[in-house]
């Protein structure tokens, strides 16, 4: 799991049914940054996708897997030494087909870094 290891959750809020805000930052000393990259660390995109999944699992207390993604956009680089106050916005619709239809955005006050639309199912 990357939560509590790479990602440090500061707080989480339920805004409305299926809408959440998770304030977090990244552990800039995590070993992943030695290879990605030691002189100028960049948060790998795959870890953002994983963070979305782990966040949904935490919020719903269910094990899920990504079954499809409609959009995955890495818009700006996240340097964990600079970006200390990040927010994950989640909008989740649980369908009659037992699918979590999800829209996720990672941003700060001025910049959107990542956007994703994906579908998850329990396993």
PDB file of N, CA and C in Angstrom:
ATOM      1  N   UNK A   1       0.824  -1.190   0.000  1.00  0.00           N
ATOM      2  CA  UNK A   1       0.000   0.000   0.000  1.00  0.00           C
ATOM      3  C   UNK A   1       0.864   1.247   0.000  1.00  0.00           C
ATOM      4  N   UNK A   2       0.434   2.221  -0.724  1.00  0.00           N
ATOM      5  CA  UNK A   2       1.175   3.476  -0.799  1.00  0.00           C
ATOM      6  C   UNK A   2       0.681   4.496   0.227  1.00  0.00           C
ATOM      7  N   UNK A   3      -0.587   4.358   0.650  1.00  0.00           N
ATOM      8  CA  UNK A   3      -1.086   5.242   1.697  1.00  0.00           C
ATOM      9  C   UNK A   3      -0.333   4.908   2.973  1.00  0.00           C
ATOM     10  N   UNK A   4       0.081   5.934   3.669  1.00  0.00           N
ATOM     11  CA  UNK A   4       0.838   5.841   4.919  1.00  0.00           C
ATOM     12  C   UNK A   4       2.301   5.520   4.677  1.00  0.00           C
ATOM     13  N   UNK A   5       2.712   5.351   3.429  1.00  0.00           N
ATOM     14  CA  UNK A   5       4.100   5.063   3.113  1.00  0.00           C
ATOM     15  C   UNK A   5       4.640   6.136   2.163  1.00  0.00           C
ATOM     16  N   UNK A   6       4.030   6.244   1.012  1.00  0.00           N
ATOM     17  CA  UNK A   6       4.388   7.293   0.058  1.00  0.00           C
ATOM     18  C   UNK A   6       3.470   8.500   0.224  1.00  0.00           C
ATOM     19  N   UNK A   7       2.181   8.224   0.420  1.00  0.00           N
ATOM     20  CA  UNK A   7       1.193   9.294   0.566  1.00  0.00           C
ATOM     21  C   UNK A   7       0.803   9.445   2.028  1.00  0.00           C
ATOM     22  N   UNK A   8       0.893  10.669   2.523  1.00  0.00           N
ATOM     23  CA  UNK A   8       0.505  10.981   3.899  1.00  0.00           C
ATOM     24  C   UNK A   8      -0.818  11.738   3.868  1.00  0.00           C
ATOM     25  N   UNK A   9      -1.869  11.098   4.360  1.00  0.00           N
ATOM     26  CA  UNK A   9      -3.177  11.747   4.382  1.00  0.00           C
ATOM     27  C   UNK A   9      -3.247  12.688   5.572  1.00  0.00           C
ATOM     28  N   UNK A  10      -3.573  13.936   5.295  1.00  0.00           N
ATOM     29  CA  UNK A  10      -3.692  14.961   6.333  1.00  0.00           C
ATOM     30  C   UNK A  10      -5.105  14.948   6.896  1.00  0.00           C
ATOM     31  N   UNK A  11      -6.097  14.952   6.008  1.00  0.00           N
ATOM     32  CA  UNK A  11      -7.490  14.785   6.436  1.00  0.00           C
ATOM     33  C   UNK A  11      -8.335  14.386   5.246  1.00  0.00           C
ATOM     34  N   UNK A  12      -9.526  13.902   5.544  1.00  0.00           N
ATOM     35  CA  UNK A  12     -10.480  13.528   4.496  1.00  0.00           C
ATOM     36  C   UNK A  12     -11.841  14.044   4.899  1.00  0.00           C
ATOM     37  N   UNK A  13     -12.598  14.464   3.893  1.00  0.00           N
ATOM     38  CA  UNK A  13     -13.932  15.023   4.126  1.00  0.00           C
ATOM     39  C   UNK A  13     -14.916  14.410   3.146  1.00  0.00           C
ATOM     40  N   UNK A  14     -16.102  14.133   3.658  1.00  0.00           N
ATOM     41  CA  UNK A  14     -17.195  13.765   2.771  1.00  0.00           C
ATOM     42  C   UNK A  14     -17.973  15.047   2.503  1.00  0.00           C
ATOM     43  N   UNK A  15     -18.024  15.461   1.247  1.00  0.00           N
ATOM     44  CA  UNK A  15     -18.677  16.701   0.848  1.00  0.00           C
ATOM     45  C   UNK A  15     -20.170  16.472   0.635  1.00  0.00           C
ATOM     46  N   UNK A  16     -20.488  15.385  -0.023  1.00  0.00           N
ATOM     47  CA  UNK A  16     -21.870  14.994  -0.313  1.00  0.00           C
ATOM     48  C   UNK A  16     -21.835  13.492  -0.573  1.00  0.00           C
ATOM     49  N   UNK A  17     -22.981  12.913  -0.836  1.00  0.00           N
ATOM     50  CA  UNK A  17     -23.004  11.489  -1.134  1.00  0.00           C
ATOM     51  C   UNK A  17     -22.131  11.204  -2.358  1.00  0.00           C
ATOM     52  N   UNK A  18     -21.101  10.383  -2.167  1.00  0.00           N
ATOM     53  CA  UNK A  18     -20.200  10.021  -3.257  1.00  0.00           C
ATOM     54  C   UNK A  18     -19.176  11.075  -3.621  1.00  0.00           C
ATOM     55  N   UNK A  19     -19.053  12.145  -2.830  1.00  0.00           N
ATOM     56  CA  UNK A  19     -18.067  13.200  -3.115  1.00  0.00           C
ATOM     57  C   UNK A  19     -17.165  13.402  -1.904  1.00  0.00           C
ATOM     58  N   UNK A  20     -15.855  13.337  -2.156  1.00  0.00           N
ATOM     59  CA  UNK A  20     -14.879  13.398  -1.084  1.00  0.00           C
ATOM     60  C   UNK A  20     -13.709  14.294  -1.457  1.00  0.00           C
ATOM     61  N   UNK A  21     -13.109  14.891  -0.440  1.00  0.00           N
ATOM     62  CA  UNK A  21     -11.845  15.622  -0.572  1.00  0.00           C
ATOM     63  C   UNK A  21     -10.846  14.976   0.382  1.00  0.00           C
ATOM     64  N   UNK A  22      -9.677  14.647  -0.137  1.00  0.00           N
ATOM     65  CA  UNK A  22      -8.615  14.084   0.686  1.00  0.00           C
ATOM     66  C   UNK A  22      -7.400  14.997   0.550  1.00  0.00           C
ATOM     67  N   UNK A  23      -7.027  15.645   1.639  1.00  0.00           N
ATOM     68  CA  UNK A  23      -5.825  16.475   1.664  1.00  0.00           C
ATOM     69  C   UNK A  23      -4.641  15.565   2.004  1.00  0.00           C
ATOM     70  N   UNK A  24      -3.560  15.709   1.245  1.00  0.00           N
ATOM     71  CA  UNK A  24      -2.411  14.827   1.446  1.00  0.00           C
ATOM     72  C   UNK A  24      -1.130  15.496   0.969  1.00  0.00           C
ATOM     73  N   UNK A  25      -0.025  14.859   1.290  1.00  0.00           N
ATOM     74  CA  UNK A  25       1.257  15.214   0.696  1.00  0.00           C
ATOM     75  C   UNK A  25       2.028  13.929   0.454  1.00  0.00           C
ATOM     76  N   UNK A  26       3.190  14.070  -0.165  1.00  0.00           N
ATOM     77  CA  UNK A  26       4.013  12.911  -0.505  1.00  0.00           C
ATOM     78  C   UNK A  26       5.263  12.905   0.363  1.00  0.00           C
ATOM     79  N   UNK A  27       5.687  11.726   0.723  1.00  0.00           N
ATOM     80  CA  UNK A  27       6.932  11.548   1.467  1.00  0.00           C
ATOM     81  C   UNK A  27       8.090  11.706   0.487  1.00  0.00           C
ATOM     82  N   UNK A  28       8.721  12.859   0.496  1.00  0.00           N
ATOM     83  CA  UNK A  28       9.790  13.141  -0.471  1.00  0.00           C
ATOM     84  C   UNK A  28      11.033  12.282  -0.236  1.00  0.00           C
ATOM     85  N   UNK A  29      11.098  11.588   0.886  1.00  0.00           N
ATOM     86  CA  UNK A  29      12.237  10.707   1.201  1.00  0.00           C
ATOM     87  C   UNK A  29      11.961   9.250   0.804  1.00  0.00           C
ATOM     88  N   UNK A  30      10.785   8.981   0.232  1.00  0.00           N
ATOM     89  CA  UNK A  30      10.433   7.613  -0.157  1.00  0.00           C
ATOM     90  C   UNK A  30      11.428   7.075  -1.180  1.00  0.00           C
ATOM     91  N   UNK A  31      11.719   5.803  -1.091  1.00  0.00           N
ATOM     92  CA  UNK A  31      12.703   5.156  -1.963  1.00  0.00           C
ATOM     93  C   UNK A  31      12.353   5.253  -3.451  1.00  0.00           C
ATOM     94  N   UNK A  32      11.078   5.397  -3.764  1.00  0.00           N
ATOM     95  CA  UNK A  32      10.663   5.473  -5.165  1.00  0.00           C
ATOM     96  C   UNK A  32      11.339   6.643  -5.887  1.00  0.00           C
ATOM     97  N   UNK A  33      11.642   7.708  -5.147  1.00  0.00           N
ATOM     98  CA  UNK A  33      12.229   8.889  -5.770  1.00  0.00           C
ATOM     99  C   UNK A  33      13.722   8.736  -6.059  1.00  0.00           C
ATOM    100  N   UNK A  34      14.351   7.703  -5.523  1.00  0.00           N
ATOM    101  CA  UNK A  34      15.756   7.444  -5.863  1.00  0.00           C
ATOM    102  C   UNK A  34      15.896   7.048  -7.330  1.00  0.00           C
ATOM    103  N   UNK A  35      14.891   6.390  -7.858  1.00  0.00           N
ATOM    104  CA  UNK A  35      14.920   5.995  -9.261  1.00  0.00           C
ATOM    105  C   UNK A  35      14.070   6.871 -10.143  1.00  0.00           C
ATOM    106  N   UNK A  36      13.367   7.819  -9.538  1.00  0.00           N
ATOM    107  CA  UNK A  36      12.401   8.616 -10.317  1.00  0.00           C
ATOM    108  C   UNK A  36      12.345  10.046  -9.829  1.00  0.00           C
ATOM    109  N   UNK A  37      13.217  10.814  -9.741  1.00  0.00           N
ATOM    110  CA  UNK A  37      14.632  10.777 -10.056  1.00  0.00           C
ATOM    111  C   UNK A  37      15.361  11.368  -8.865  1.00  0.00           C
ATOM    112  N   UNK A  38      16.542  10.914  -8.546  1.00  0.00           N
ATOM    113  CA  UNK A  38      17.191  11.302  -7.285  1.00  0.00           C
ATOM    114  C   UNK A  38      17.521  12.791  -7.202  1.00  0.00           C
ATOM    115  N   UNK A  39      17.903  13.423  -8.288  1.00  0.00           N
ATOM    116  CA  UNK A  39      18.252  14.852  -8.250  1.00  0.00           C
ATOM    117  C   UNK A  39      17.042  15.766  -8.414  1.00  0.00           C
ATOM    118  N   UNK A  40      16.014  15.297  -9.066  1.00  0.00           N
ATOM    119  CA  UNK A  40      14.775  16.048  -9.241  1.00  0.00           C
ATOM    120  C   UNK A  40      13.619  15.059  -9.172  1.00  0.00           C
ATOM    121  N   UNK A  41      13.139  14.779  -7.957  1.00  0.00           N
ATOM    122  CA  UNK A  41      12.097  13.762  -7.826  1.00  0.00           C
ATOM    123  C   UNK A  41      10.793  14.168  -8.503  1.00  0.00           C
ATOM    124  N   UNK A  42      10.198  13.188  -9.158  1.00  0.00           N
ATOM    125  CA  UNK A  42       8.915  13.361  -9.836  1.00  0.00           C
ATOM    126  C   UNK A  42       8.022  12.207  -9.397  1.00  0.00           C
ATOM    127  N   UNK A  43       6.824  12.520  -8.972  1.00  0.00           N
ATOM    128  CA  UNK A  43       5.886  11.485  -8.574  1.00  0.00           C
ATOM    129  C   UNK A  43       5.462  10.684  -9.804  1.00  0.00           C
ATOM    130  N   UNK A  44       5.712   9.374  -9.818  1.00  0.00           N
ATOM    131  CA  UNK A  44       5.324   8.565 -10.975  1.00  0.00           C
ATOM    132  C   UNK A  44       3.807   8.552 -11.170  1.00  0.00           C
ATOM    133  N   UNK A  45       3.385   8.617 -12.408  1.00  0.00           N
ATOM    134  CA  UNK A  45       1.963   8.632 -12.718  1.00  0.00           C
ATOM    135  C   UNK A  45       1.231   7.409 -12.217  1.00  0.00           C
ATOM    136  N   UNK A  46       1.856   6.252 -12.310  1.00  0.00           N
ATOM    137  CA  UNK A  46       1.195   5.027 -11.862  1.00  0.00           C
ATOM    138  C   UNK A  46       0.870   5.083 -10.369  1.00  0.00           C
ATOM    139  N   UNK A  47       1.651   5.822  -9.586  1.00  0.00           N
ATOM    140  CA  UNK A  47       1.352   5.918  -8.154  1.00  0.00           C
ATOM    141  C   UNK A  47       0.109   6.776  -7.915  1.00  0.00           C
ATOM    142  N   UNK A  48      -0.153   7.731  -8.787  1.00  0.00           N
ATOM    143  CA  UNK A  48      -1.376   8.529  -8.655  1.00  0.00           C
ATOM    144  C   UNK A  48      -2.607   7.671  -8.932  1.00  0.00           C
ATOM    145  N   UNK A  49      -2.518   6.821  -9.944  1.00  0.00           N
ATOM    146  CA  UNK A  49      -3.609   5.898 -10.251  1.00  0.00           C
ATOM    147  C   UNK A  49      -3.825   4.954  -9.060  1.00  0.00           C
ATOM    148  N   UNK A  50      -2.742   4.462  -8.488  1.00  0.00           N
ATOM    149  CA  UNK A  50      -2.828   3.579  -7.330  1.00  0.00           C
ATOM    150  C   UNK A  50      -3.415   4.302  -6.116  1.00  0.00           C
ATOM    151  N   UNK A  51      -3.044   5.570  -5.925  1.00  0.00           N
ATOM    152  CA  UNK A  51      -3.565   6.348  -4.806  1.00  0.00           C
ATOM    153  C   UNK A  51      -5.085   6.505  -4.900  1.00  0.00           C
ATOM    154  N   UNK A  52      -5.590   6.695  -6.108  1.00  0.00           N
ATOM    155  CA  UNK A  52      -7.041   6.791  -6.298  1.00  0.00           C
ATOM    156  C   UNK A  52      -7.697   5.491  -5.847  1.00  0.00           C
ATOM    157  N   UNK A  53      -7.169   4.357  -6.295  1.00  0.00           N
ATOM    158  CA  UNK A  53      -7.741   3.062  -5.916  1.00  0.00           C
ATOM    159  C   UNK A  53      -7.701   2.860  -4.409  1.00  0.00           C
ATOM    160  N   UNK A  54      -6.561   3.095  -3.794  1.00  0.00           N
ATOM    161  CA  UNK A  54      -6.428   2.898  -2.349  1.00  0.00           C
ATOM    162  C   UNK A  54      -7.338   3.853  -1.567  1.00  0.00           C
ATOM    163  N   UNK A  55      -7.542   5.037  -2.092  1.00  0.00           N
ATOM    164  CA  UNK A  55      -8.424   5.996  -1.421  1.00  0.00           C
ATOM    165  C   UNK A  55      -9.870   5.518  -1.440  1.00  0.00           C
ATOM    166  N   UNK A  56     -10.305   4.993  -2.586  1.00  0.00           N
ATOM    167  CA  UNK A  56     -11.666   4.456  -2.671  1.00  0.00           C
ATOM    168  C   UNK A  56     -11.814   3.274  -1.717  1.00  0.00           C
ATOM    169  N   UNK A  57     -10.813   2.405  -1.689  1.00  0.00           N
ATOM    170  CA  UNK A  57     -10.854   1.261  -0.766  1.00  0.00           C
ATOM    171  C   UNK A  57     -10.963   1.726   0.682  1.00  0.00           C
ATOM    172  N   UNK A  58     -10.217   2.757   1.031  1.00  0.00           N
ATOM    173  CA  UNK A  58     -10.244   3.287   2.389  1.00  0.00           C
ATOM    174  C   UNK A  58     -11.617   3.884   2.708  1.00  0.00           C
ATOM    175  N   UNK A  59     -12.177   4.625   1.789  1.00  0.00           N
ATOM    176  CA  UNK A  59     -13.457   5.292   2.032  1.00  0.00           C
ATOM    177  C   UNK A  59     -14.629   4.316   2.135  1.00  0.00           C
ATOM    178  N   UNK A  60     -14.598   3.264   1.330  1.00  0.00           N
ATOM    179  CA  UNK A  60     -15.709   2.322   1.287  1.00  0.00           C
ATOM    180  C   UNK A  60     -15.425   1.012   2.027  1.00  0.00           C
ATOM    181  N   UNK A  61     -14.190   0.861   2.504  1.00  0.00           N
ATOM    182  CA  UNK A  61     -13.783  -0.353   3.222  1.00  0.00           C
ATOM    183  C   UNK A  61     -14.069  -1.610   2.385  1.00  0.00           C
ATOM    184  N   UNK A  62     -13.685  -1.545   1.114  1.00  0.00           N
ATOM    185  CA  UNK A  62     -13.852  -2.647   0.160  1.00  0.00           C
ATOM    186  C   UNK A  62     -12.570  -2.808  -0.632  1.00  0.00           C
ATOM    187  N   UNK A  63     -12.251  -4.005  -1.045  1.00  0.00           N
ATOM    188  CA  UNK A  63     -11.145  -4.257  -1.966  1.00  0.00           C
ATOM    189  C   UNK A  63     -11.696  -4.135  -3.381  1.00  0.00           C
ATOM    190  N   UNK A  64     -11.044  -3.313  -4.199  1.00  0.00           N
ATOM    191  CA  UNK A  64     -11.525  -3.086  -5.561  1.00  0.00           C
ATOM    192  C   UNK A  64     -10.373  -3.214  -6.548  1.00  0.00           C
ATOM    193  N   UNK A  65     -10.736  -3.335  -7.806  1.00  0.00           N
ATOM    194  CA  UNK A  65      -9.742  -3.347  -8.884  1.00  0.00           C
ATOM    195  C   UNK A  65     -10.241  -2.454 -10.002  1.00  0.00           C
ATOM    196  N   UNK A  66      -9.308  -1.862 -10.707  1.00  0.00           N
ATOM    197  CA  UNK A  66      -9.638  -1.027 -11.862  1.00  0.00           C
ATOM    198  C   UNK A  66     -10.048  -1.943 -13.002  1.00  0.00           C
ATOM    199  N   UNK A  67     -11.243  -1.732 -13.544  1.00  0.00           N
ATOM    200  CA  UNK A  67     -11.706  -2.565 -14.660  1.00  0.00           C
ATOM    201  C   UNK A  67     -11.682  -1.821 -15.995  1.00  0.00           C
ATOM    202  N   UNK A  68     -11.718  -0.481 -15.932  1.00  0.00           N
ATOM    203  CA  UNK A  68     -11.586   0.304 -17.159  1.00  0.00           C
ATOM    204  C   UNK A  68     -11.272   1.747 -16.793  1.00  0.00           C
ATOM    205  N   UNK A  69     -10.588   2.411 -17.699  1.00  0.00           N
ATOM    206  CA  UNK A  69     -10.349   3.844 -17.517  1.00  0.00           C
ATOM    207  C   UNK A  69     -10.687   4.546 -18.817  1.00  0.00           C
ATOM    208  N   UNK A  70     -11.449   5.599 -18.692  1.00  0.00           N
ATOM    209  CA  UNK A  70     -11.870   6.359 -19.860  1.00  0.00           C
ATOM    210  C   UNK A  70     -10.887   7.485 -20.143  1.00  0.00           C
ATOM    211  N   UNK A  71     -10.349   8.058 -19.067  1.00  0.00           N
ATOM    212  CA  UNK A  71      -9.425   9.176 -19.198  1.00  0.00           C
ATOM    213  C   UNK A  71      -8.381   9.068 -18.108  1.00  0.00           C
ATOM    214  N   UNK A  72      -7.128   9.222 -18.473  1.00  0.00           N
ATOM    215  CA  UNK A  72      -6.044   9.368 -17.504  1.00  0.00           C
ATOM    216  C   UNK A  72      -5.125  10.452 -18.062  1.00  0.00           C
ATOM    217  N   UNK A  73      -5.079  11.594 -17.366  1.00  0.00           N
ATOM    218  CA  UNK A  73      -4.273  12.723 -17.843  1.00  0.00           C
ATOM    219  C   UNK A  73      -3.283  13.142 -16.770  1.00  0.00           C
ATOM    220  N   UNK A  74      -2.023  13.167 -17.128  1.00  0.00           N
ATOM    221  CA  UNK A  74      -0.965  13.678 -16.269  1.00  0.00           C
ATOM    222  C   UNK A  74      -0.631  15.063 -16.806  1.00  0.00           C
ATOM    223  N   UNK A  75      -1.143  16.088 -16.158  1.00  0.00           N
ATOM    224  CA  UNK A  75      -1.133  17.437 -16.717  1.00  0.00           C
ATOM    225  C   UNK A  75       0.121  18.209 -16.323  1.00  0.00           C
ATOM    226  N   UNK A  76       0.515  18.091 -15.053  1.00  0.00           N
ATOM    227  CA  UNK A  76       1.718  18.761 -14.559  1.00  0.00           C
ATOM    228  C   UNK A  76       2.486  17.812 -13.653  1.00  0.00           C
ATOM    229  N   UNK A  77       3.778  17.990 -13.598  1.00  0.00           N
ATOM    230  CA  UNK A  77       4.666  17.179 -12.762  1.00  0.00           C
ATOM    231  C   UNK A  77       4.472  17.549 -11.295  1.00  0.00           C
ATOM    232  N   UNK A  78       4.500  16.533 -10.428  1.00  0.00           N
ATOM    233  CA  UNK A  78       4.475  16.767  -8.983  1.00  0.00           C
ATOM    234  C   UNK A  78       5.862  16.490  -8.432  1.00  0.00           C
ATOM    235  N   UNK A  79       6.511  17.532  -7.954  1.00  0.00           N
ATOM    236  CA  UNK A  79       7.783  17.419  -7.237  1.00  0.00           C
ATOM    237  C   UNK A  79       7.428  17.416  -5.752  1.00  0.00           C
ATOM    238  N   UNK A  80       7.635  16.304  -5.041  1.00  0.00           N
ATOM    239  CA  UNK A  80       7.189  16.207  -3.646  1.00  0.00           C
ATOM    240  C   UNK A  80       7.895  17.165  -2.695  1.00  0.00           C
ATOM    241  N   UNK A  81       9.030  17.697  -3.113  1.00  0.00           N
ATOM    242  CA  UNK A  81       9.728  18.678  -2.270  1.00  0.00           C
ATOM    243  C   UNK A  81       9.031  20.029  -2.326  1.00  0.00           C
ATOM    244  N   UNK A  82       8.312  20.290  -3.411  1.00  0.00           N
ATOM    245  CA  UNK A  82       7.666  21.583  -3.613  1.00  0.00           C
ATOM    246  C   UNK A  82       6.181  21.518  -3.279  1.00  0.00           C
ATOM    247  N   UNK A  83       5.520  20.497  -3.777  1.00  0.00           N
ATOM    248  CA  UNK A  83       4.065  20.385  -3.610  1.00  0.00           C
ATOM    249  C   UNK A  83       3.740  19.693  -2.293  1.00  0.00           C
ATOM    250  N   UNK A  84       3.494  20.479  -1.269  1.00  0.00           N
ATOM    251  CA  UNK A  84       3.243  19.941   0.066  1.00  0.00           C
ATOM    252  C   UNK A  84       1.770  19.881   0.434  1.00  0.00           C
ATOM    253  N   UNK A  85       0.933  20.605  -0.268  1.00  0.00           N
ATOM    254  CA  UNK A  85      -0.496  20.651   0.049  1.00  0.00           C
ATOM    255  C   UNK A  85      -1.304  20.264  -1.183  1.00  0.00           C
ATOM    256  N   UNK A  86      -1.578  18.979  -1.291  1.00  0.00           N
ATOM    257  CA  UNK A  86      -2.317  18.459  -2.431  1.00  0.00           C
ATOM    258  C   UNK A  86      -3.695  17.997  -1.995  1.00  0.00           C
ATOM    259  N   UNK A  87      -4.611  17.982  -2.955  1.00  0.00           N
ATOM    260  CA  UNK A  87      -5.976  17.544  -2.693  1.00  0.00           C
ATOM    261  C   UNK A  87      -6.369  16.533  -3.758  1.00  0.00           C
ATOM    262  N   UNK A  88      -6.951  15.431  -3.303  1.00  0.00           N
ATOM    263  CA  UNK A  88      -7.586  14.482  -4.209  1.00  0.00           C
ATOM    264  C   UNK A  88      -9.086  14.716  -4.109  1.00  0.00           C
ATOM    265  N   UNK A  89      -9.683  15.104  -5.223  1.00  0.00           N
ATOM    266  CA  UNK A  89     -11.146  15.241  -5.301  1.00  0.00           C
ATOM    267  C   UNK A  89     -11.682  13.968  -5.925  1.00  0.00           C
ATOM    268  N   UNK A  90     -12.621  13.337  -5.247  1.00  0.00           N
ATOM    269  CA  UNK A  90     -13.230  12.119  -5.762  1.00  0.00           C
ATOM    270  C   UNK A  90     -14.733  12.292  -5.889  1.00  0.00           C
ATOM    271  N   UNK A  91     -15.263  11.888  -7.024  1.00  0.00           N
ATOM    272  CA  UNK A  91     -16.701  11.777  -7.228  1.00  0.00           C
ATOM    273  C   UNK A  91     -16.945  10.340  -7.637  1.00  0.00           C
ATOM    274  N   UNK A  92     -17.752   9.650  -6.826  1.00  0.00           N
ATOM    275  CA  UNK A  92     -17.943   8.223  -7.019  1.00  0.00           C
ATOM    276  C   UNK A  92     -19.434   7.915  -7.103  1.00  0.00           C
ATOM    277  N   UNK A  93     -19.807   7.231  -8.163  1.00  0.00           N
ATOM    278  CA  UNK A  93     -21.183   6.779  -8.334  1.00  0.00           C
ATOM    279  C   UNK A  93     -21.170   5.253  -8.310  1.00  0.00           C
ATOM    280  N   UNK A  94     -21.813   4.677  -7.303  1.00  0.00           N
ATOM    281  CA  UNK A  94     -21.913   3.221  -7.213  1.00  0.00           C
ATOM    282  C   UNK A  94     -23.146   2.788  -7.997  1.00  0.00           C
ATOM    283  N   UNK A  95     -22.940   2.028  -9.056  1.00  0.00           N
ATOM    284  CA  UNK A  95     -24.027   1.692  -9.979  1.00  0.00           C
ATOM    285  C   UNK A  95     -24.762   0.413  -9.571  1.00  0.00           C
ATOM    286  N   UNK A  96     -25.866   0.178 -10.242  1.00  0.00           N
ATOM    287  CA  UNK A  96     -26.635  -1.054 -10.036  1.00  0.00           C
ATOM    288  C   UNK A  96     -25.845  -2.295 -10.447  1.00  0.00           C
ATOM    289  N   UNK A  97     -24.839  -2.107 -11.285  1.00  0.00           N
ATOM    290  CA  UNK A  97     -23.992  -3.218 -11.742  1.00  0.00           C
ATOM    291  C   UNK A  97     -22.813  -3.463 -10.809  1.00  0.00           C
ATOM    292  N   UNK A  98     -22.847  -2.871  -9.606  1.00  0.00           N
ATOM    293  CA  UNK A  98     -21.770  -3.019  -8.616  1.00  0.00           C
ATOM    294  C   UNK A  98     -20.426  -2.475  -9.113  1.00  0.00           C
ATOM    295  N   UNK A  99     -20.501  -1.362  -9.808  1.00  0.00           N
ATOM    296  CA  UNK A  99     -19.305  -0.695 -10.327  1.00  0.00           C
ATOM    297  C   UNK A  99     -19.203   0.683  -9.683  1.00  0.00           C
ATOM    298  N   UNK A 100     -17.991   1.037  -9.302  1.00  0.00           N
ATOM    299  CA  UNK A 100     -17.711   2.378  -8.790  1.00  0.00           C
ATOM    300  C   UNK A 100     -17.236   3.222  -9.967  1.00  0.00           C
ATOM    301  N   UNK A 101     -18.127   4.063 -10.510  1.00  0.00           N
ATOM    302  CA  UNK A 101     -17.748   4.998 -11.571  1.00  0.00           C
ATOM    303  C   UNK A 101     -17.120   6.198 -10.903  1.00  0.00           C
ATOM    304  N   UNK A 102     -15.883   6.491 -11.265  1.00  0.00           N
ATOM    305  CA  UNK A 102     -15.093   7.451 -10.498  1.00  0.00           C
ATOM    306  C   UNK A 102     -14.500   8.547 -11.375  1.00  0.00           C
ATOM    307  N   UNK A 103     -14.548   9.758 -10.842  1.00  0.00           N
ATOM    308  CA  UNK A 103     -13.811  10.900 -11.400  1.00  0.00           C
ATOM    309  C   UNK A 103     -12.861  11.367 -10.318  1.00  0.00           C
ATOM    310  N   UNK A 104     -11.592  11.498 -10.657  1.00  0.00           N
ATOM    311  CA  UNK A 104     -10.579  11.883  -9.679  1.00  0.00           C
ATOM    312  C   UNK A 104      -9.732  13.017 -10.233  1.00  0.00           C
ATOM    313  N   UNK A 105      -9.413  13.961  -9.360  1.00  0.00           N
ATOM    314  CA  UNK A 105      -8.533  15.077  -9.702  1.00  0.00           C
ATOM    315  C   UNK A 105      -7.547  15.257  -8.560  1.00  0.00           C
ATOM    316  N   UNK A 106      -6.282  15.380  -8.890  1.00  0.00           N
ATOM    317  CA  UNK A 106      -5.269  15.774  -7.906  1.00  0.00           C
ATOM    318  C   UNK A 106      -4.845  17.184  -8.269  1.00  0.00           C
ATOM    319  N   UNK A 107      -4.914  18.077  -7.267  1.00  0.00           N
ATOM    320  CA  UNK A 107      -4.624  19.487  -7.525  1.00  0.00           C
ATOM    321  C   UNK A 107      -4.129  20.148  -6.249  1.00  0.00           C
ATOM    322  N   UNK A 108      -3.733  21.400  -6.397  1.00  0.00           N
ATOM    323  CA  UNK A 108      -3.505  22.278  -5.248  1.00  0.00           C
ATOM    324  C   UNK A 108      -4.347  23.527  -5.488  1.00  0.00           C
ATOM    325  N   UNK A 109      -4.033  24.607  -4.805  1.00  0.00           N
ATOM    326  CA  UNK A 109      -4.844  25.819  -4.946  1.00  0.00           C
ATOM    327  C   UNK A 109      -4.826  26.422  -6.339  1.00  0.00           C
ATOM    328  N   UNK A 110      -3.747  26.197  -7.085  1.00  0.00           N
ATOM    329  CA  UNK A 110      -3.596  26.885  -8.369  1.00  0.00           C
ATOM    330  C   UNK A 110      -3.425  25.963  -9.576  1.00  0.00           C
ATOM    331  N   UNK A 111      -3.131  24.679  -9.349  1.00  0.00           N
ATOM    332  CA  UNK A 111      -2.744  23.806 -10.452  1.00  0.00           C
ATOM    333  C   UNK A 111      -3.451  22.462 -10.360  1.00  0.00           C
ATOM    334  N   UNK A 112      -3.921  21.984 -11.493  1.00  0.00           N
ATOM    335  CA  UNK A 112      -4.410  20.612 -11.599  1.00  0.00           C
ATOM    336  C   UNK A 112      -3.273  19.771 -12.152  1.00  0.00           C
ATOM    337  N   UNK A 113      -2.930  18.693 -11.431  1.00  0.00           N
ATOM    338  CA  UNK A 113      -1.810  17.842 -11.816  1.00  0.00           C
ATOM    339  C   UNK A 113      -2.251  16.578 -12.547  1.00  0.00           C
ATOM    340  N   UNK A 114      -3.436  16.069 -12.200  1.00  0.00           N
ATOM    341  CA  UNK A 114      -3.845  14.744 -12.658  1.00  0.00           C
ATOM    342  C   UNK A 114      -5.369  14.686 -12.719  1.00  0.00           C
ATOM    343  N   UNK A 115      -5.876  14.032 -13.771  1.00  0.00           N
ATOM    344  CA  UNK A 115      -7.313  13.789 -13.888  1.00  0.00           C
ATOM    345  C   UNK A 115      -7.517  12.363 -14.366  1.00  0.00           C
ATOM    346  N   UNK A 116      -8.565  11.750 -13.838  1.00  0.00           N
ATOM    347  CA  UNK A 116      -8.836  10.367 -14.221  1.00  0.00           C
ATOM    348  C   UNK A 116     -10.322  10.085 -14.126  1.00  0.00           C
ATOM    349  N   UNK A 117     -10.826   9.333 -15.083  1.00  0.00           N
ATOM    350  CA  UNK A 117     -12.153   8.751 -15.021  1.00  0.00           C
ATOM    351  C   UNK A 117     -11.967   7.250 -15.157  1.00  0.00           C
ATOM    352  N   UNK A 118     -12.448   6.511 -14.177  1.00  0.00           N
ATOM    353  CA  UNK A 118     -12.261   5.065 -14.224  1.00  0.00           C
ATOM    354  C   UNK A 118     -13.402   4.334 -13.547  1.00  0.00           C
ATOM    355  N   UNK A 119     -13.487   3.060 -13.856  1.00  0.00           N
ATOM    356  CA  UNK A 119     -14.487   2.188 -13.257  1.00  0.00           C
ATOM    357  C   UNK A 119     -13.778   1.090 -12.477  1.00  0.00           C
ATOM    358  N   UNK A 120     -14.283   0.848 -11.268  1.00  0.00           N
ATOM    359  CA  UNK A 120     -13.707  -0.141 -10.362  1.00  0.00           C
ATOM    360  C   UNK A 120     -14.784  -1.129  -9.958  1.00  0.00           C
ATOM    361  N   UNK A 121     -14.349  -2.365  -9.698  1.00  0.00           N
ATOM    362  CA  UNK A 121     -15.265  -3.395  -9.209  1.00  0.00           C
ATOM    363  C   UNK A 121     -14.644  -4.074  -7.996  1.00  0.00           C
ATOM    364  N   UNK A 122     -15.499  -4.580  -7.135  1.00  0.00           N
ATOM    365  CA  UNK A 122     -15.024  -5.319  -5.963  1.00  0.00           C
ATOM    366  C   UNK A 122     -14.509  -6.679  -6.405  1.00  0.00           C
ATOM    367  N   UNK A 123     -13.570  -7.200  -5.612  1.00  0.00           N
ATOM    368  CA  UNK A 123     -13.107  -8.566  -5.870  1.00  0.00           C
ATOM    369  C   UNK A 123     -12.924  -9.309  -4.572  1.00  0.00           C
TER     370      UNK A 123
END
